[in-house]
Amino acid sequence: MIEVKNLYYDYEGRGNYAVSDVNFRINKGEIFGFLGPSGAGKTTVQNLMTSILSLQKGDILYNGASIRKIKSGFFNKIGVSFEDPTIYLKLTGYENLKFFAGLFDTPTNDPL
């Protein structure tokens, strides 16, 4: 489960928040997507959820553990697709997934 609680982020530190009071929960097995206009804060939230940006205010919990206490190796086990994903057009979606999983020695449990 992933839970985002009272998330705020200000790029300039002047009280002009890119995201403010963001709250949601993603339960195990759910597929979740961010939709909204340009500048709404979708990428900022993703960057916070993956620790590309550091939390300023609020918290993000993975299975009840705060992102502030999670070791960086945890993020090798999750996947996020940003607005401009890198893929190889000559490969199928499946082949792209296998290729990128292989770069990080990620087991795929693939019977093929």
C-alpha atoms as a PDB file:
ATOM      1  CA  MET A   1       0.000   0.000   0.000  1.00  0.00           C
ATOM      2  CA  ILE A   2       1.150   3.528  -0.766  1.00  0.00           C
ATOM      3  CA  GLU A   3      -0.280   6.440   1.166  1.00  0.00           C
ATOM      4  CA  VAL A   4       0.398  10.129   0.524  1.00  0.00           C
ATOM      5  CA  LYS A   5      -0.491  12.402   3.432  1.00  0.00           C
ATOM      6  CA  ASN A   6      -0.712  16.199   3.438  1.00  0.00           C
ATOM      7  CA  LEU A   7       1.986  16.551   0.775  1.00  0.00           C
ATOM      8  CA  TYR A   8       3.348  20.026  -0.009  1.00  0.00           C
ATOM      9  CA  TYR A   9       6.327  21.032  -2.153  1.00  0.00           C
ATOM     10  CA  ASP A  10       7.755  24.467  -2.911  1.00  0.00           C
ATOM     11  CA  TYR A  11      10.593  24.639  -5.463  1.00  0.00           C
ATOM     12  CA  GLU A  12      11.701  28.127  -4.438  1.00  0.00           C
ATOM     13  CA  GLY A  13      11.018  28.032  -0.690  1.00  0.00           C
ATOM     14  CA  ARG A  14       8.773  31.100  -0.808  1.00  0.00           C
ATOM     15  CA  GLY A  15       5.412  29.565   0.022  1.00  0.00           C
ATOM     16  CA  ASN A  16       4.419  29.193  -3.646  1.00  0.00           C
ATOM     17  CA  TYR A  17       3.601  25.482  -3.589  1.00  0.00           C
ATOM     18  CA  ALA A  18       3.795  23.346  -6.716  1.00  0.00           C
ATOM     19  CA  VAL A  19       1.640  20.822  -4.827  1.00  0.00           C
ATOM     20  CA  SER A  20      -0.358  21.486  -1.691  1.00  0.00           C
ATOM     21  CA  ASP A  21      -2.358  19.242   0.623  1.00  0.00           C
ATOM     22  CA  VAL A  22      -2.166  16.190  -1.663  1.00  0.00           C
ATOM     23  CA  ASN A  23      -3.689  13.075  -0.098  1.00  0.00           C
ATOM     24  CA  PHE A  24      -4.400   9.655  -1.609  1.00  0.00           C
ATOM     25  CA  ARG A  25      -4.003   5.936  -1.027  1.00  0.00           C
ATOM     26  CA  ILE A  26      -3.113   3.195  -3.496  1.00  0.00           C
ATOM     27  CA  ASN A  27      -4.016  -0.270  -2.240  1.00  0.00           C
ATOM     28  CA  LYS A  28      -2.204  -3.443  -3.235  1.00  0.00           C
ATOM     29  CA  GLY A  29      -3.229  -4.571  -6.710  1.00  0.00           C
ATOM     30  CA  GLU A  30      -4.650  -1.219  -7.778  1.00  0.00           C
ATOM     31  CA  ILE A  31      -3.506   0.569 -10.910  1.00  0.00           C
ATOM     32  CA  PHE A  32      -3.186   4.287 -10.344  1.00  0.00           C
ATOM     33  CA  GLY A  33      -2.562   7.178 -12.718  1.00  0.00           C
ATOM     34  CA  PHE A  34      -2.141  10.918 -12.366  1.00  0.00           C
ATOM     35  CA  LEU A  35      -4.265  12.977 -14.732  1.00  0.00           C
ATOM     36  CA  GLY A  36      -4.349  16.738 -14.980  1.00  0.00           C
ATOM     37  CA  PRO A  37      -3.308  19.769 -16.970  1.00  0.00           C
ATOM     38  CA  SER A  38       0.281  20.860 -17.486  1.00  0.00           C
ATOM     39  CA  GLY A  39       1.690  22.378 -14.316  1.00  0.00           C
ATOM     40  CA  ALA A  40      -0.774  20.640 -11.989  1.00  0.00           C
ATOM     41  CA  GLY A  41       2.016  18.905 -10.024  1.00  0.00           C
ATOM     42  CA  LYS A  42       1.810  15.351 -11.364  1.00  0.00           C
ATOM     43  CA  THR A  43       5.542  15.008 -12.006  1.00  0.00           C
ATOM     44  CA  THR A  44       6.406  16.738  -8.730  1.00  0.00           C
ATOM     45  CA  VAL A  45       4.367  14.147  -6.810  1.00  0.00           C
ATOM     46  CA  GLN A  46       6.036  11.295  -8.732  1.00  0.00           C
ATOM     47  CA  ASN A  47       9.467  12.778  -8.032  1.00  0.00           C
ATOM     48  CA  LEU A  48       8.629  12.982  -4.330  1.00  0.00           C
ATOM     49  CA  MET A  49       7.281   9.415  -4.300  1.00  0.00           C
ATOM     50  CA  THR A  50      10.526   8.095  -5.797  1.00  0.00           C
ATOM     51  CA  SER A  51      12.817  10.323  -3.688  1.00  0.00           C
ATOM     52  CA  ILE A  52      14.107  12.206  -6.714  1.00  0.00           C
ATOM     53  CA  LEU A  53      12.960  15.229  -4.690  1.00  0.00           C
ATOM     54  CA  SER A  54      13.199  15.341  -0.891  1.00  0.00           C
ATOM     55  CA  LEU A  55      10.055  15.729   1.178  1.00  0.00           C
ATOM     56  CA  GLN A  56       9.481  19.172   2.645  1.00  0.00           C
ATOM     57  CA  LYS A  57       6.085  18.829   4.282  1.00  0.00           C
ATOM     58  CA  GLY A  58       3.799  15.828   4.641  1.00  0.00           C
ATOM     59  CA  ASP A  59       4.696  12.169   4.327  1.00  0.00           C
ATOM     60  CA  ILE A  60       4.634   9.238   1.936  1.00  0.00           C
ATOM     61  CA  LEU A  61       4.219   5.743   3.372  1.00  0.00           C
ATOM     62  CA  TYR A  62       5.053   2.447   1.694  1.00  0.00           C
ATOM     63  CA  ASN A  63       3.356  -0.405   3.583  1.00  0.00           C
ATOM     64  CA  GLY A  64       3.208   1.841   6.635  1.00  0.00           C
ATOM     65  CA  ALA A  65       6.887   2.890   6.558  1.00  0.00           C
ATOM     66  CA  SER A  66       7.758   6.529   5.960  1.00  0.00           C
ATOM     67  CA  ILE A  67       9.757   7.286   2.827  1.00  0.00           C
ATOM     68  CA  ARG A  68      12.059   9.272   5.115  1.00  0.00           C
ATOM     69  CA  LYS A  69      13.248   6.001   6.704  1.00  0.00           C
ATOM     70  CA  ILE A  70      13.359   3.751   3.629  1.00  0.00           C
ATOM     71  CA  LYS A  71      16.765   2.827   2.206  1.00  0.00           C
ATOM     72  CA  SER A  72      17.487   3.728  -1.406  1.00  0.00           C
ATOM     73  CA  GLY A  73      17.617   0.066  -2.522  1.00  0.00           C
ATOM     74  CA  PHE A  74      13.856  -0.092  -2.077  1.00  0.00           C
ATOM     75  CA  PHE A  75      13.381   2.104  -5.130  1.00  0.00           C
ATOM     76  CA  ASN A  76      15.055  -0.501  -7.353  1.00  0.00           C
ATOM     77  CA  LYS A  77      11.973  -2.671  -6.739  1.00  0.00           C
ATOM     78  CA  ILE A  78       9.298  -0.265  -7.947  1.00  0.00           C
ATOM     79  CA  GLY A  79       8.494   1.245 -11.320  1.00  0.00           C
ATOM     80  CA  VAL A  80       7.251   4.641 -12.366  1.00  0.00           C
ATOM     81  CA  SER A  81       6.458   5.852 -15.856  1.00  0.00           C
ATOM     82  CA  PHE A  82       6.924   9.573 -16.407  1.00  0.00           C
ATOM     83  CA  GLU A  83       5.440  11.591 -19.260  1.00  0.00           C
ATOM     84  CA  ASP A  84       8.348  10.902 -21.625  1.00  0.00           C
ATOM     85  CA  PRO A  85       9.302   7.290 -20.987  1.00  0.00           C
ATOM     86  CA  THR A  86      12.384   5.883 -22.674  1.00  0.00           C
ATOM     87  CA  ILE A  87      11.550   2.890 -24.821  1.00  0.00           C
ATOM     88  CA  TYR A  88      13.039   1.230 -27.848  1.00  0.00           C
ATOM     89  CA  LEU A  89      10.505   1.404 -30.667  1.00  0.00           C
ATOM     90  CA  LYS A  90      11.925  -1.680 -32.409  1.00  0.00           C
ATOM     91  CA  LEU A  91      11.085  -3.776 -29.337  1.00  0.00           C
ATOM     92  CA  THR A  92       7.655  -4.835 -28.159  1.00  0.00           C
ATOM     93  CA  GLY A  93       6.356  -3.584 -24.815  1.00  0.00           C
ATOM     94  CA  TYR A  94       7.203  -6.959 -23.302  1.00  0.00           C
ATOM     95  CA  GLU A  95      10.734  -6.883 -24.741  1.00  0.00           C
ATOM     96  CA  ASN A  96      11.280  -3.351 -23.386  1.00  0.00           C
ATOM     97  CA  LEU A  97      10.216  -4.462 -19.905  1.00  0.00           C
ATOM     98  CA  LYS A  98      12.547  -7.474 -20.002  1.00  0.00           C
ATOM     99  CA  PHE A  99      15.431  -5.363 -21.291  1.00  0.00           C
ATOM    100  CA  PHE A 100      15.155  -2.683 -18.612  1.00  0.00           C
ATOM    101  CA  ALA A 101      14.586  -5.262 -15.864  1.00  0.00           C
ATOM    102  CA  GLY A 102      17.804  -6.944 -16.984  1.00  0.00           C
ATOM    103  CA  LEU A 103      19.771  -3.712 -16.645  1.00  0.00           C
ATOM    104  CA  PHE A 104      19.061  -3.732 -12.922  1.00  0.00           C
ATOM    105  CA  ASP A 105      19.255  -7.507 -12.390  1.00  0.00           C
ATOM    106  CA  THR A 106      15.561  -7.483 -11.551  1.00  0.00           C
ATOM    107  CA  PRO A 107      14.040 -10.967 -11.543  1.00  0.00           C
ATOM    108  CA  THR A 108      11.051 -11.152 -13.851  1.00  0.00           C
ATOM    109  CA  ASN A 109       9.629 -14.557 -12.854  1.00  0.00           C
ATOM    110  CA  ASP A 110       9.197 -15.012 -16.583  1.00  0.00           C
ATOM    111  CA  PRO A 111       8.379 -18.590 -17.622  1.00  0.00           C
ATOM    112  CA  LEU A 112       9.631 -17.921 -21.179  1.00  0.00           C
END
